Each structure stands twice: as C-alpha cells, then as structure tokens.
N, C-alpha and C. Protein backbone atom coordinates (compact mmCIF):
# COMPACT_ATOMS: atom_id res chain seq x y z
N MET A 1 57.11 83.36 105.19
CA MET A 1 57.85 83.86 104.04
C MET A 1 59.34 83.89 104.38
N THR A 2 60.17 83.35 103.51
CA THR A 2 61.60 83.34 103.74
C THR A 2 62.18 84.73 103.52
N SER A 3 63.44 84.92 103.98
CA SER A 3 64.10 86.22 103.78
C SER A 3 64.28 86.52 102.30
N LEU A 4 64.52 85.49 101.49
CA LEU A 4 64.67 85.70 100.05
C LEU A 4 63.34 86.13 99.42
N GLU A 5 62.25 85.49 99.84
CA GLU A 5 60.94 85.86 99.32
C GLU A 5 60.57 87.28 99.73
N MET A 6 60.93 87.68 100.94
CA MET A 6 60.68 89.04 101.40
C MET A 6 61.48 90.05 100.58
N LEU A 7 62.69 89.64 100.17
CA LEU A 7 63.54 90.54 99.39
C LEU A 7 62.94 90.84 98.02
N VAL A 8 62.39 89.81 97.38
CA VAL A 8 61.89 89.99 96.01
C VAL A 8 60.41 90.35 95.94
N GLU A 9 59.71 90.28 97.05
CA GLU A 9 58.26 90.51 97.06
C GLU A 9 57.87 91.85 96.43
N PRO A 10 58.54 92.97 96.76
CA PRO A 10 58.13 94.25 96.15
C PRO A 10 58.24 94.23 94.62
N LEU A 11 59.24 93.50 94.10
CA LEU A 11 59.43 93.45 92.65
C LEU A 11 58.37 92.59 91.96
N ARG A 12 57.92 91.56 92.64
CA ARG A 12 56.99 90.62 92.02
C ARG A 12 55.71 91.31 91.53
N HIS A 13 55.33 92.38 92.17
CA HIS A 13 54.09 93.06 91.82
C HIS A 13 54.35 94.43 91.16
N SER A 14 55.61 94.69 90.83
CA SER A 14 55.94 95.97 90.22
C SER A 14 55.71 95.94 88.71
N PRO A 15 55.19 97.02 88.13
CA PRO A 15 55.06 97.09 86.66
C PRO A 15 56.41 97.12 85.97
N GLN A 16 57.49 97.35 86.72
CA GLN A 16 58.84 97.37 86.15
C GLN A 16 59.59 96.06 86.39
N LEU A 17 58.86 95.00 86.68
CA LEU A 17 59.49 93.71 86.96
C LEU A 17 60.39 93.26 85.82
N VAL A 18 59.90 93.34 84.57
CA VAL A 18 60.68 92.87 83.42
C VAL A 18 61.97 93.67 83.30
N GLU A 19 61.89 94.99 83.42
CA GLU A 19 63.08 95.82 83.32
C GLU A 19 64.07 95.52 84.46
N ALA A 20 63.51 95.30 85.66
CA ALA A 20 64.37 95.00 86.81
C ALA A 20 65.11 93.69 86.61
N VAL A 21 64.41 92.67 86.12
CA VAL A 21 65.05 91.38 85.88
C VAL A 21 66.14 91.51 84.81
N ALA A 22 65.87 92.29 83.77
CA ALA A 22 66.87 92.50 82.72
C ALA A 22 68.11 93.20 83.27
N LEU A 23 67.88 94.19 84.14
CA LEU A 23 69.00 94.91 84.75
C LEU A 23 69.83 93.99 85.62
N LEU A 24 69.16 93.17 86.44
CA LEU A 24 69.88 92.23 87.30
C LEU A 24 70.62 91.18 86.48
N SER A 25 70.01 90.74 85.38
CA SER A 25 70.66 89.75 84.52
C SER A 25 71.95 90.31 83.93
N ARG A 26 71.93 91.58 83.49
CA ARG A 26 73.15 92.20 82.97
C ARG A 26 74.21 92.29 84.05
N GLN A 27 73.78 92.64 85.27
CA GLN A 27 74.75 92.74 86.37
C GLN A 27 75.38 91.38 86.66
N ILE A 28 74.56 90.33 86.65
CA ILE A 28 75.07 88.98 86.92
C ILE A 28 76.08 88.57 85.86
N GLU A 29 75.79 88.86 84.60
CA GLU A 29 76.72 88.51 83.52
C GLU A 29 78.03 89.28 83.65
N GLU A 30 77.96 90.57 83.98
CA GLU A 30 79.17 91.37 84.17
C GLU A 30 79.99 90.85 85.34
N GLU A 31 79.30 90.50 86.43
CA GLU A 31 80.01 89.95 87.59
C GLU A 31 80.65 88.62 87.27
N ARG A 32 79.95 87.79 86.48
CA ARG A 32 80.50 86.49 86.12
C ARG A 32 81.81 86.66 85.33
N ALA A 33 81.85 87.62 84.44
CA ALA A 33 83.06 87.87 83.67
C ALA A 33 84.20 88.35 84.57
N ARG A 34 83.89 89.26 85.50
CA ARG A 34 84.92 89.73 86.44
C ARG A 34 85.38 88.61 87.35
N ARG A 35 84.46 87.76 87.74
CA ARG A 35 84.80 86.65 88.63
C ARG A 35 85.73 85.66 87.93
N ASN A 36 85.47 85.39 86.66
CA ASN A 36 86.35 84.50 85.91
C ASN A 36 87.75 85.08 85.78
N ARG A 37 87.85 86.41 85.58
CA ARG A 37 89.17 87.05 85.54
C ARG A 37 89.85 86.94 86.90
N PHE A 38 89.07 87.08 87.95
CA PHE A 38 89.60 86.94 89.31
C PHE A 38 90.22 85.56 89.49
N TYR A 39 89.53 84.51 89.04
CA TYR A 39 90.07 83.16 89.15
C TYR A 39 91.36 83.00 88.35
N GLU A 40 91.42 83.63 87.20
CA GLU A 40 92.59 83.50 86.32
C GLU A 40 93.80 84.26 86.84
N GLU A 41 93.55 85.39 87.51
CA GLU A 41 94.65 86.28 87.88
C GLU A 41 95.11 86.17 89.32
N THR A 42 94.29 85.56 90.19
CA THR A 42 94.69 85.45 91.59
C THR A 42 95.91 84.57 91.75
N THR A 43 96.75 84.87 92.73
CA THR A 43 97.98 84.11 92.97
C THR A 43 98.02 83.61 94.41
N PRO A 44 98.77 82.54 94.67
CA PRO A 44 98.84 81.99 96.03
C PRO A 44 99.48 82.94 97.03
N GLU A 45 100.23 83.94 96.54
CA GLU A 45 100.93 84.85 97.45
C GLU A 45 100.01 85.88 98.09
N GLU A 46 98.83 86.09 97.51
CA GLU A 46 97.93 87.13 97.98
C GLU A 46 96.74 86.54 98.74
N LYS A 47 96.30 87.26 99.76
CA LYS A 47 95.01 86.94 100.36
C LYS A 47 93.99 87.86 99.71
N ILE A 48 93.12 87.28 98.92
CA ILE A 48 92.26 88.07 98.06
C ILE A 48 90.89 87.42 97.98
N GLU A 49 89.84 88.24 97.95
CA GLU A 49 88.47 87.74 97.91
C GLU A 49 87.70 88.45 96.80
N PHE A 50 86.58 87.86 96.41
CA PHE A 50 85.70 88.46 95.42
C PHE A 50 84.34 88.66 96.08
N ILE A 51 84.00 89.94 96.35
CA ILE A 51 82.81 90.26 97.13
C ILE A 51 82.01 91.35 96.43
N ASP A 52 80.72 91.10 96.24
CA ASP A 52 79.82 92.09 95.66
C ASP A 52 80.34 92.60 94.31
N GLY A 53 80.88 91.67 93.52
CA GLY A 53 81.33 92.02 92.18
C GLY A 53 82.70 92.66 92.10
N GLU A 54 83.38 92.79 93.23
CA GLU A 54 84.67 93.47 93.26
C GLU A 54 85.75 92.60 93.89
N VAL A 55 86.99 92.80 93.44
CA VAL A 55 88.13 92.10 94.02
C VAL A 55 88.58 92.86 95.27
N VAL A 56 88.73 92.14 96.38
CA VAL A 56 89.14 92.74 97.65
C VAL A 56 90.51 92.16 98.04
N LEU A 57 91.53 93.00 98.03
CA LEU A 57 92.88 92.59 98.41
C LEU A 57 93.13 92.98 99.85
N HIS A 58 93.55 92.03 100.67
CA HIS A 58 93.72 92.28 102.10
C HIS A 58 95.10 92.82 102.44
N SER A 59 95.12 93.74 103.41
CA SER A 59 96.38 94.26 103.92
C SER A 59 97.04 93.24 104.82
N PRO A 60 98.37 93.36 105.05
CA PRO A 60 99.02 92.46 106.01
C PRO A 60 98.38 92.58 107.40
N ALA A 61 98.34 91.46 108.12
CA ALA A 61 97.69 91.43 109.43
C ALA A 61 98.65 91.85 110.53
N ARG A 62 98.10 92.41 111.60
CA ARG A 62 98.89 92.75 112.78
C ARG A 62 99.26 91.48 113.54
N ASN A 63 100.32 91.60 114.35
CA ASN A 63 100.83 90.44 115.08
C ASN A 63 99.77 89.82 115.98
N ARG A 64 98.95 90.64 116.63
CA ARG A 64 97.93 90.13 117.54
C ARG A 64 96.89 89.28 116.77
N HIS A 65 96.56 89.73 115.58
CA HIS A 65 95.63 88.99 114.73
C HIS A 65 96.25 87.65 114.33
N LEU A 66 97.52 87.67 113.94
CA LEU A 66 98.21 86.44 113.54
C LEU A 66 98.31 85.46 114.69
N ASP A 67 98.60 85.97 115.90
CA ASP A 67 98.72 85.08 117.06
C ASP A 67 97.39 84.41 117.39
N ALA A 68 96.30 85.18 117.38
CA ALA A 68 95.00 84.59 117.68
C ALA A 68 94.62 83.56 116.62
N THR A 69 94.85 83.87 115.36
CA THR A 69 94.54 82.93 114.29
C THR A 69 95.33 81.64 114.45
N SER A 70 96.61 81.78 114.80
CA SER A 70 97.47 80.60 114.98
C SER A 70 97.00 79.74 116.15
N LEU A 71 96.64 80.36 117.27
CA LEU A 71 96.20 79.61 118.44
C LEU A 71 94.88 78.88 118.19
N ILE A 72 93.95 79.56 117.53
CA ILE A 72 92.67 78.92 117.20
C ILE A 72 92.89 77.76 116.24
N ALA A 73 93.73 77.98 115.24
CA ALA A 73 94.02 76.92 114.28
C ALA A 73 94.69 75.73 114.97
N ASN A 74 95.56 76.02 115.92
CA ASN A 74 96.24 74.94 116.64
C ASN A 74 95.24 74.04 117.35
N LEU A 75 94.22 74.66 117.95
CA LEU A 75 93.20 73.89 118.65
C LEU A 75 92.32 73.11 117.67
N VAL A 76 91.76 73.81 116.70
CA VAL A 76 90.77 73.19 115.82
C VAL A 76 91.39 72.15 114.91
N LEU A 77 92.53 72.46 114.30
CA LEU A 77 93.15 71.51 113.38
C LEU A 77 93.53 70.23 114.09
N ASN A 78 94.11 70.36 115.29
CA ASN A 78 94.52 69.16 116.02
C ASN A 78 93.31 68.35 116.49
N PHE A 79 92.27 69.04 116.97
CA PHE A 79 91.09 68.32 117.44
C PHE A 79 90.42 67.57 116.30
N VAL A 80 90.24 68.24 115.19
CA VAL A 80 89.58 67.62 114.03
C VAL A 80 90.39 66.45 113.51
N ARG A 81 91.70 66.61 113.44
CA ARG A 81 92.56 65.53 112.94
C ARG A 81 92.55 64.34 113.89
N ASN A 82 92.69 64.61 115.18
CA ASN A 82 92.77 63.51 116.15
C ASN A 82 91.47 62.71 116.24
N HIS A 83 90.35 63.38 116.00
CA HIS A 83 89.06 62.70 116.10
C HIS A 83 88.47 62.33 114.75
N GLN A 84 89.25 62.59 113.69
CA GLN A 84 88.86 62.20 112.33
C GLN A 84 87.45 62.67 111.98
N LEU A 85 87.24 63.97 112.18
CA LEU A 85 85.91 64.55 111.99
C LEU A 85 85.70 65.16 110.62
N GLY A 86 86.76 65.28 109.85
CA GLY A 86 86.71 65.94 108.55
C GLY A 86 88.04 66.61 108.30
N THR A 87 88.00 67.89 107.90
CA THR A 87 89.24 68.62 107.69
C THR A 87 89.03 70.10 108.00
N ALA A 88 90.08 70.74 108.50
CA ALA A 88 90.05 72.18 108.77
C ALA A 88 91.18 72.83 107.98
N LYS A 89 90.95 74.06 107.53
CA LYS A 89 91.93 74.80 106.73
C LYS A 89 92.05 76.21 107.27
N ILE A 90 93.19 76.85 106.99
CA ILE A 90 93.40 78.21 107.44
C ILE A 90 93.70 79.13 106.26
N GLU A 91 93.19 80.33 106.35
CA GLU A 91 93.45 81.50 105.52
C GLU A 91 93.35 81.29 104.01
N LYS A 92 94.32 80.68 103.35
CA LYS A 92 94.34 80.64 101.89
C LYS A 92 93.46 79.53 101.33
N CYS A 93 92.26 79.43 101.84
CA CYS A 93 91.29 78.42 101.39
C CYS A 93 90.13 79.18 100.75
N LEU A 94 90.09 79.21 99.44
CA LEU A 94 89.09 79.99 98.72
C LEU A 94 87.75 79.25 98.70
N CYS A 95 86.79 79.77 99.45
CA CYS A 95 85.48 79.14 99.58
C CYS A 95 84.50 79.83 98.64
N VAL A 96 83.90 79.03 97.77
CA VAL A 96 83.05 79.55 96.69
C VAL A 96 81.59 79.52 97.11
N PHE A 97 81.01 80.70 97.26
CA PHE A 97 79.58 80.85 97.52
C PHE A 97 78.90 81.21 96.20
N PRO A 98 77.56 81.16 96.15
CA PRO A 98 76.90 81.42 94.87
C PRO A 98 77.30 82.72 94.20
N ARG A 99 77.50 83.79 94.99
CA ARG A 99 77.88 85.07 94.38
C ARG A 99 79.30 85.49 94.72
N ASN A 100 79.76 85.17 95.91
CA ASN A 100 81.03 85.68 96.43
C ASN A 100 82.04 84.58 96.70
N ASP A 101 83.31 84.98 96.76
CA ASP A 101 84.40 84.06 97.10
C ASP A 101 85.14 84.63 98.30
N TYR A 102 85.31 83.81 99.35
CA TYR A 102 85.93 84.27 100.58
C TYR A 102 87.13 83.40 100.95
N GLU A 103 88.08 84.02 101.67
CA GLU A 103 89.18 83.27 102.28
C GLU A 103 89.13 83.54 103.78
N PRO A 104 88.27 82.83 104.50
CA PRO A 104 88.15 83.06 105.96
C PRO A 104 89.45 82.71 106.68
N ASP A 105 89.54 83.16 107.93
CA ASP A 105 90.74 82.85 108.71
C ASP A 105 90.83 81.37 109.02
N LEU A 106 89.71 80.72 109.27
CA LEU A 106 89.71 79.27 109.51
C LEU A 106 88.36 78.70 109.09
N VAL A 107 88.41 77.51 108.48
CA VAL A 107 87.17 76.84 108.08
C VAL A 107 87.27 75.36 108.44
N PHE A 108 86.09 74.76 108.60
CA PHE A 108 85.99 73.33 108.86
C PHE A 108 84.97 72.73 107.90
N PHE A 109 85.35 71.57 107.31
CA PHE A 109 84.45 70.80 106.48
C PHE A 109 84.24 69.44 107.14
N GLY A 110 82.97 69.07 107.35
CA GLY A 110 82.67 67.75 107.88
C GLY A 110 83.06 66.65 106.90
N LYS A 111 82.86 65.41 107.30
CA LYS A 111 83.35 64.28 106.51
C LYS A 111 82.81 64.26 105.09
N GLU A 112 81.53 64.61 104.93
CA GLU A 112 80.93 64.55 103.58
C GLU A 112 81.62 65.50 102.63
N LYS A 113 81.78 66.76 103.03
CA LYS A 113 82.44 67.73 102.16
C LYS A 113 83.93 67.46 102.06
N ALA A 114 84.55 67.05 103.16
CA ALA A 114 85.97 66.74 103.13
C ALA A 114 86.27 65.62 102.14
N GLY A 115 85.34 64.67 102.02
CA GLY A 115 85.53 63.56 101.10
C GLY A 115 85.53 63.97 99.64
N SER A 116 85.00 65.16 99.34
CA SER A 116 84.96 65.62 97.96
C SER A 116 86.22 66.39 97.56
N LEU A 117 87.11 66.63 98.51
CA LEU A 117 88.31 67.43 98.25
C LEU A 117 89.45 66.55 97.76
N GLY A 118 90.16 67.05 96.77
CA GLY A 118 91.31 66.33 96.25
C GLY A 118 92.59 67.11 96.45
N PRO A 119 93.75 66.52 96.13
CA PRO A 119 95.03 67.20 96.31
C PRO A 119 95.14 68.51 95.54
N ASP A 120 94.45 68.62 94.42
CA ASP A 120 94.56 69.81 93.58
C ASP A 120 93.37 70.76 93.71
N THR A 121 92.50 70.53 94.68
CA THR A 121 91.35 71.41 94.87
C THR A 121 91.82 72.84 95.17
N MET A 122 91.29 73.81 94.42
CA MET A 122 91.59 75.22 94.68
C MET A 122 90.34 76.03 95.00
N LYS A 123 89.19 75.51 94.58
CA LYS A 123 87.92 76.15 94.89
C LYS A 123 87.16 75.22 95.83
N PHE A 124 86.97 75.67 97.06
CA PHE A 124 86.40 74.84 98.11
C PHE A 124 84.90 75.13 98.25
N PRO A 125 84.14 74.15 98.72
CA PRO A 125 82.69 74.37 98.91
C PRO A 125 82.41 75.26 100.12
N VAL A 126 81.16 75.55 100.33
CA VAL A 126 80.73 76.32 101.51
C VAL A 126 81.07 75.52 102.76
N PRO A 127 81.84 76.08 103.70
CA PRO A 127 82.23 75.34 104.90
C PRO A 127 81.04 75.08 105.84
N ASP A 128 81.26 74.16 106.78
CA ASP A 128 80.27 73.89 107.82
C ASP A 128 80.46 74.80 109.04
N PHE A 129 81.69 75.33 109.17
CA PHE A 129 82.07 76.13 110.35
C PHE A 129 83.11 77.13 109.89
N ILE A 130 82.99 78.38 110.35
CA ILE A 130 83.93 79.43 109.96
C ILE A 130 84.34 80.25 111.17
N VAL A 131 85.61 80.64 111.20
CA VAL A 131 86.11 81.61 112.18
C VAL A 131 86.69 82.80 111.42
N GLU A 132 86.29 84.00 111.82
CA GLU A 132 86.91 85.22 111.32
C GLU A 132 87.48 85.99 112.50
N VAL A 133 88.76 86.38 112.40
CA VAL A 133 89.40 87.21 113.41
C VAL A 133 89.34 88.66 112.92
N LEU A 134 88.70 89.52 113.70
CA LEU A 134 88.45 90.88 113.26
C LEU A 134 89.72 91.69 113.08
N SER A 135 89.67 92.61 112.12
CA SER A 135 90.67 93.67 111.98
C SER A 135 89.93 94.93 111.57
N GLU A 136 90.58 96.07 111.65
CA GLU A 136 89.91 97.32 111.31
C GLU A 136 89.41 97.31 109.87
N SER A 137 90.16 96.69 108.98
CA SER A 137 89.81 96.73 107.56
C SER A 137 88.76 95.68 107.18
N THR A 138 88.53 94.69 108.04
CA THR A 138 87.62 93.61 107.67
C THR A 138 86.35 93.54 108.52
N GLU A 139 86.30 94.27 109.64
CA GLU A 139 85.18 94.09 110.58
C GLU A 139 83.83 94.35 109.93
N ALA A 140 83.74 95.39 109.10
CA ALA A 140 82.45 95.71 108.49
C ALA A 140 81.96 94.56 107.62
N ARG A 141 82.86 93.92 106.88
CA ARG A 141 82.47 92.78 106.05
C ARG A 141 82.19 91.54 106.89
N ASP A 142 83.03 91.32 107.92
CA ASP A 142 82.83 90.14 108.77
C ASP A 142 81.47 90.18 109.46
N ARG A 143 81.01 91.38 109.81
CA ARG A 143 79.73 91.53 110.50
C ARG A 143 78.60 91.87 109.52
N GLY A 144 78.95 92.12 108.27
CA GLY A 144 77.97 92.54 107.29
C GLY A 144 77.71 91.49 106.23
N VAL A 145 78.32 91.64 105.05
CA VAL A 145 78.04 90.75 103.93
C VAL A 145 78.39 89.30 104.24
N LYS A 146 79.49 89.09 104.95
CA LYS A 146 79.87 87.70 105.28
C LYS A 146 78.87 87.08 106.25
N PHE A 147 78.49 87.83 107.26
CA PHE A 147 77.52 87.35 108.25
C PHE A 147 76.24 86.91 107.54
N GLU A 148 75.76 87.75 106.63
CA GLU A 148 74.53 87.45 105.89
C GLU A 148 74.71 86.27 104.94
N ASP A 149 75.83 86.27 104.22
CA ASP A 149 76.08 85.23 103.21
C ASP A 149 76.32 83.87 103.86
N TYR A 150 77.10 83.84 104.93
CA TYR A 150 77.37 82.57 105.62
C TYR A 150 76.06 81.95 106.12
N ALA A 151 75.20 82.78 106.70
CA ALA A 151 73.93 82.27 107.21
C ALA A 151 73.01 81.82 106.08
N ALA A 152 72.94 82.62 105.02
CA ALA A 152 72.03 82.32 103.92
C ALA A 152 72.38 81.02 103.21
N HIS A 153 73.65 80.63 103.27
CA HIS A 153 74.08 79.45 102.51
C HIS A 153 74.56 78.31 103.39
N GLY A 154 74.08 78.28 104.64
CA GLY A 154 74.16 77.07 105.44
C GLY A 154 75.41 76.82 106.24
N VAL A 155 76.21 77.86 106.51
CA VAL A 155 77.34 77.68 107.42
C VAL A 155 76.76 77.54 108.82
N GLY A 156 76.85 76.36 109.39
CA GLY A 156 76.12 76.06 110.61
C GLY A 156 76.59 76.80 111.85
N GLU A 157 77.85 77.22 111.85
CA GLU A 157 78.40 77.89 113.04
C GLU A 157 79.45 78.90 112.60
N TYR A 158 79.40 80.07 113.21
CA TYR A 158 80.29 81.18 112.84
C TYR A 158 80.82 81.82 114.11
N TRP A 159 82.16 81.84 114.24
CA TRP A 159 82.79 82.52 115.37
C TRP A 159 83.41 83.82 114.88
N ILE A 160 83.09 84.91 115.56
CA ILE A 160 83.75 86.19 115.32
C ILE A 160 84.66 86.46 116.51
N VAL A 161 85.95 86.55 116.24
CA VAL A 161 86.95 86.67 117.30
C VAL A 161 87.54 88.08 117.28
N ASP A 162 87.53 88.74 118.43
CA ASP A 162 88.13 90.06 118.59
C ASP A 162 89.43 89.90 119.36
N ALA A 163 90.54 89.96 118.64
CA ALA A 163 91.84 89.73 119.27
C ALA A 163 92.25 90.89 120.17
N ASP A 164 91.75 92.09 119.91
CA ASP A 164 92.09 93.24 120.76
C ASP A 164 91.42 93.12 122.12
N ARG A 165 90.13 92.78 122.13
CA ARG A 165 89.39 92.65 123.39
C ARG A 165 89.46 91.23 123.95
N GLU A 166 90.02 90.32 123.17
CA GLU A 166 90.16 88.91 123.55
C GLU A 166 88.80 88.32 123.91
N THR A 167 87.86 88.48 122.98
CA THR A 167 86.52 87.92 123.13
C THR A 167 86.17 87.10 121.89
N VAL A 168 85.23 86.19 122.08
CA VAL A 168 84.70 85.41 120.96
C VAL A 168 83.19 85.47 120.99
N GLU A 169 82.59 85.60 119.81
CA GLU A 169 81.14 85.53 119.65
C GLU A 169 80.83 84.27 118.84
N GLN A 170 79.97 83.43 119.38
CA GLN A 170 79.57 82.19 118.72
C GLN A 170 78.14 82.34 118.21
N TYR A 171 78.00 82.21 116.89
CA TYR A 171 76.68 82.29 116.26
C TYR A 171 76.32 80.92 115.69
N LEU A 172 75.09 80.48 115.97
CA LEU A 172 74.59 79.21 115.45
C LEU A 172 73.43 79.49 114.52
N LEU A 173 73.33 78.69 113.46
CA LEU A 173 72.32 78.92 112.45
C LEU A 173 70.96 78.43 112.92
N GLY A 174 70.01 79.34 112.92
CA GLY A 174 68.63 79.01 113.27
C GLY A 174 67.71 79.19 112.09
N GLU A 175 66.41 79.11 112.32
CA GLU A 175 65.44 79.20 111.23
C GLU A 175 65.46 80.56 110.53
N SER A 176 65.76 81.60 111.27
CA SER A 176 65.73 82.95 110.69
C SER A 176 67.11 83.57 110.55
N GLY A 177 68.16 82.75 110.59
CA GLY A 177 69.53 83.28 110.47
C GLY A 177 70.35 82.94 111.69
N TYR A 178 71.42 83.69 111.89
CA TYR A 178 72.31 83.40 113.01
C TYR A 178 71.73 83.90 114.33
N GLU A 179 71.93 83.07 115.35
CA GLU A 179 71.53 83.43 116.71
C GLU A 179 72.77 83.39 117.60
N LEU A 180 72.97 84.45 118.36
CA LEU A 180 74.13 84.54 119.24
C LEU A 180 73.97 83.56 120.40
N ARG A 181 74.92 82.64 120.52
CA ARG A 181 74.91 81.67 121.61
C ARG A 181 75.82 82.11 122.75
N VAL A 182 77.01 82.60 122.41
CA VAL A 182 78.00 82.99 123.42
C VAL A 182 78.72 84.24 122.95
N LYS A 183 78.93 85.18 123.87
CA LYS A 183 79.88 86.28 123.67
C LYS A 183 80.61 86.43 124.98
N SER A 184 81.92 86.12 124.99
CA SER A 184 82.61 86.06 126.27
C SER A 184 84.12 86.16 126.10
N ALA A 185 84.77 86.59 127.18
CA ALA A 185 86.24 86.57 127.26
C ALA A 185 86.70 85.51 128.25
N THR A 186 85.75 84.82 128.90
CA THR A 186 86.10 83.81 129.90
C THR A 186 85.19 82.59 129.73
N GLY A 187 85.39 81.61 130.59
CA GLY A 187 84.56 80.42 130.54
C GLY A 187 84.96 79.50 129.39
N THR A 188 84.02 78.69 128.95
CA THR A 188 84.30 77.75 127.86
C THR A 188 83.33 78.00 126.71
N ILE A 189 83.73 77.48 125.55
CA ILE A 189 82.88 77.55 124.37
C ILE A 189 82.77 76.15 123.79
N THR A 190 81.55 75.75 123.49
CA THR A 190 81.27 74.40 123.00
C THR A 190 80.73 74.49 121.58
N SER A 191 81.44 73.89 120.65
CA SER A 191 80.99 73.90 119.26
C SER A 191 79.84 72.90 119.07
N GLU A 192 78.87 73.27 118.26
CA GLU A 192 77.81 72.35 117.90
C GLU A 192 78.12 71.63 116.59
N VAL A 193 78.89 72.27 115.72
CA VAL A 193 79.20 71.68 114.42
C VAL A 193 80.39 70.74 114.50
N ILE A 194 81.42 71.12 115.26
CA ILE A 194 82.59 70.25 115.45
C ILE A 194 82.32 69.44 116.72
N ALA A 195 81.81 68.26 116.56
CA ALA A 195 81.31 67.46 117.67
C ALA A 195 82.40 67.20 118.71
N GLY A 196 82.10 67.56 119.96
CA GLY A 196 83.01 67.29 121.06
C GLY A 196 84.01 68.39 121.35
N LEU A 197 84.09 69.40 120.51
CA LEU A 197 85.05 70.48 120.72
C LEU A 197 84.55 71.42 121.81
N ILE A 198 85.21 71.35 122.96
CA ILE A 198 84.94 72.24 124.08
C ILE A 198 86.27 72.83 124.51
N THR A 199 86.39 74.13 124.50
CA THR A 199 87.67 74.75 124.81
C THR A 199 87.49 75.97 125.70
N PRO A 200 88.42 76.23 126.62
CA PRO A 200 88.39 77.50 127.35
C PRO A 200 88.55 78.66 126.37
N VAL A 201 87.81 79.72 126.58
CA VAL A 201 87.95 80.89 125.71
C VAL A 201 89.36 81.44 125.78
N ARG A 202 89.98 81.39 126.95
CA ARG A 202 91.33 81.91 127.09
C ARG A 202 92.33 81.15 126.21
N ALA A 203 92.02 79.92 125.86
CA ALA A 203 92.92 79.14 125.01
C ALA A 203 92.99 79.69 123.59
N LEU A 204 92.05 80.56 123.24
CA LEU A 204 92.08 81.18 121.92
C LEU A 204 93.08 82.33 121.86
N PHE A 205 93.54 82.79 123.03
CA PHE A 205 94.38 83.99 123.07
C PHE A 205 95.68 83.81 123.85
N ASP A 206 95.75 82.81 124.71
CA ASP A 206 96.89 82.62 125.60
C ASP A 206 97.59 81.31 125.28
N GLU A 207 98.89 81.38 125.03
CA GLU A 207 99.61 80.19 124.58
C GLU A 207 99.64 79.09 125.65
N ALA A 208 99.83 79.46 126.91
CA ALA A 208 99.87 78.47 127.97
C ALA A 208 98.52 77.76 128.10
N GLU A 209 97.43 78.52 128.03
CA GLU A 209 96.09 77.93 128.08
C GLU A 209 95.85 77.05 126.85
N ASN A 210 96.37 77.47 125.73
CA ASN A 210 96.22 76.70 124.50
C ASN A 210 96.90 75.35 124.62
N LEU A 211 98.12 75.35 125.13
CA LEU A 211 98.85 74.09 125.31
C LEU A 211 98.17 73.18 126.34
N ALA A 212 97.65 73.81 127.40
CA ALA A 212 96.96 73.02 128.42
C ALA A 212 95.72 72.35 127.85
N ALA A 213 94.98 73.05 127.00
CA ALA A 213 93.80 72.46 126.37
C ALA A 213 94.19 71.31 125.46
N LEU A 214 95.27 71.48 124.72
CA LEU A 214 95.72 70.41 123.82
C LEU A 214 96.13 69.16 124.61
N ARG A 215 96.80 69.37 125.73
CA ARG A 215 97.23 68.23 126.55
C ARG A 215 96.04 67.43 127.06
N GLU A 216 94.94 68.11 127.39
CA GLU A 216 93.74 67.41 127.87
C GLU A 216 93.14 66.53 126.79
N TRP A 217 93.33 66.90 125.54
CA TRP A 217 92.74 66.15 124.43
C TRP A 217 93.60 64.97 124.00
N MET A 218 94.89 65.04 124.34
CA MET A 218 95.82 64.00 123.88
C MET A 218 95.70 62.72 124.70
C-alpha cells in the first residue's frame, strides 16, 4: 500500500466519506482561488511561496546563509553548464507542485525538463534536485512539508544544508520516500541526480575550497 493509499484508507470505509469529500472539495476550490491571487500579486522583488493554502513571505537572509547559497550555486551552476547536463537556478525560481509553490535556494532540471523552459517561463516544473539552506524561520518547513512534498512528487535528490554547523545532509529518493545517504561536515559528497558531480563538503562553505574544486573541473 502506498503512502497516499494509507492516508485515505480510513476515509474509504467511513460512513462520512461523502461529507469528507465535499469538505475537501470546498477547501481545494478556496485554495485554488487564493493561489490564483498569489500568482497575480506576487512580484519579482519578493521571495514568496504558497504553502498549505497560505502565502509565505520570507525574511531577509543572514550573511552566512547568503554565503553558503552563493558557494553551492557557484559549484552546481558551473558544473551543470560545463557538462551540458540541463540547467540550474537559484532562489527566485517558482517551482509549481500539485498543491504548493516553492522557491528553493537552488534547483536543477535535467535535459528533458530544461528543454521545456522558455525565456518567459515564470512557473517552473518540479525539479530533479533541490538544495535548501536552513534558517531559523524556514527549518520547520524544509524538514517538514517540503521534505514530504519533494519526495512525494519525485524530486530525486534533496540536500539540506546547515550553514551554522557547516554540514550537509544528502537525501535520495527511495521506494518509501527519502533515505539519508550522507550527513557530514567533511569528506566528499557525490550527487546521483547530477551525473559526475563530486565535491568536497568544505567547498560548500569555504571560498578557497570552492575555488579549488572549480579548478579541478576546468
């Protein structure tokens, strides 16, 4: 039985099934209306997401968060571009999931999905690979609804980066959801979704290590 089937199983045999479906249908319609307003009112200046029927506006990030995001982007964007593997985007890339809309810190689309993107694309498909850099205001969602949603809708690899502790957690999609492959502040990390990407963990946090890794790839 899949996780979705397990979720709905109690309702399938409930005498209140019809009422429950009607209630959920009303909620879906209300969320759809709010989501359409979100699309109409969002601006490029804001980092904003639509999660669980609500608009989530993000606070400005701390310098340590910005530095880690920049270093990771420097590695991934250059590697993907040099090896023509698809395309990678940072921050203001609105990724549309069946119920929610997210702007992850970094995303990667393989060649198939990258080929569907045009110059004016504003709503992006579900990525193949996502990185989220934790902050106090986002950690609960990064480890909660996003973790569940990314796995449920086929994001093959998810990195959770802690810039304060300078650690990375690598999750790979398995039959029953995400499985932790690596959690470390040292050594190397090898991506399964971005073919050939192998980087020292320290290169995600240290500029000199980051430049050294880039030189090895050039």
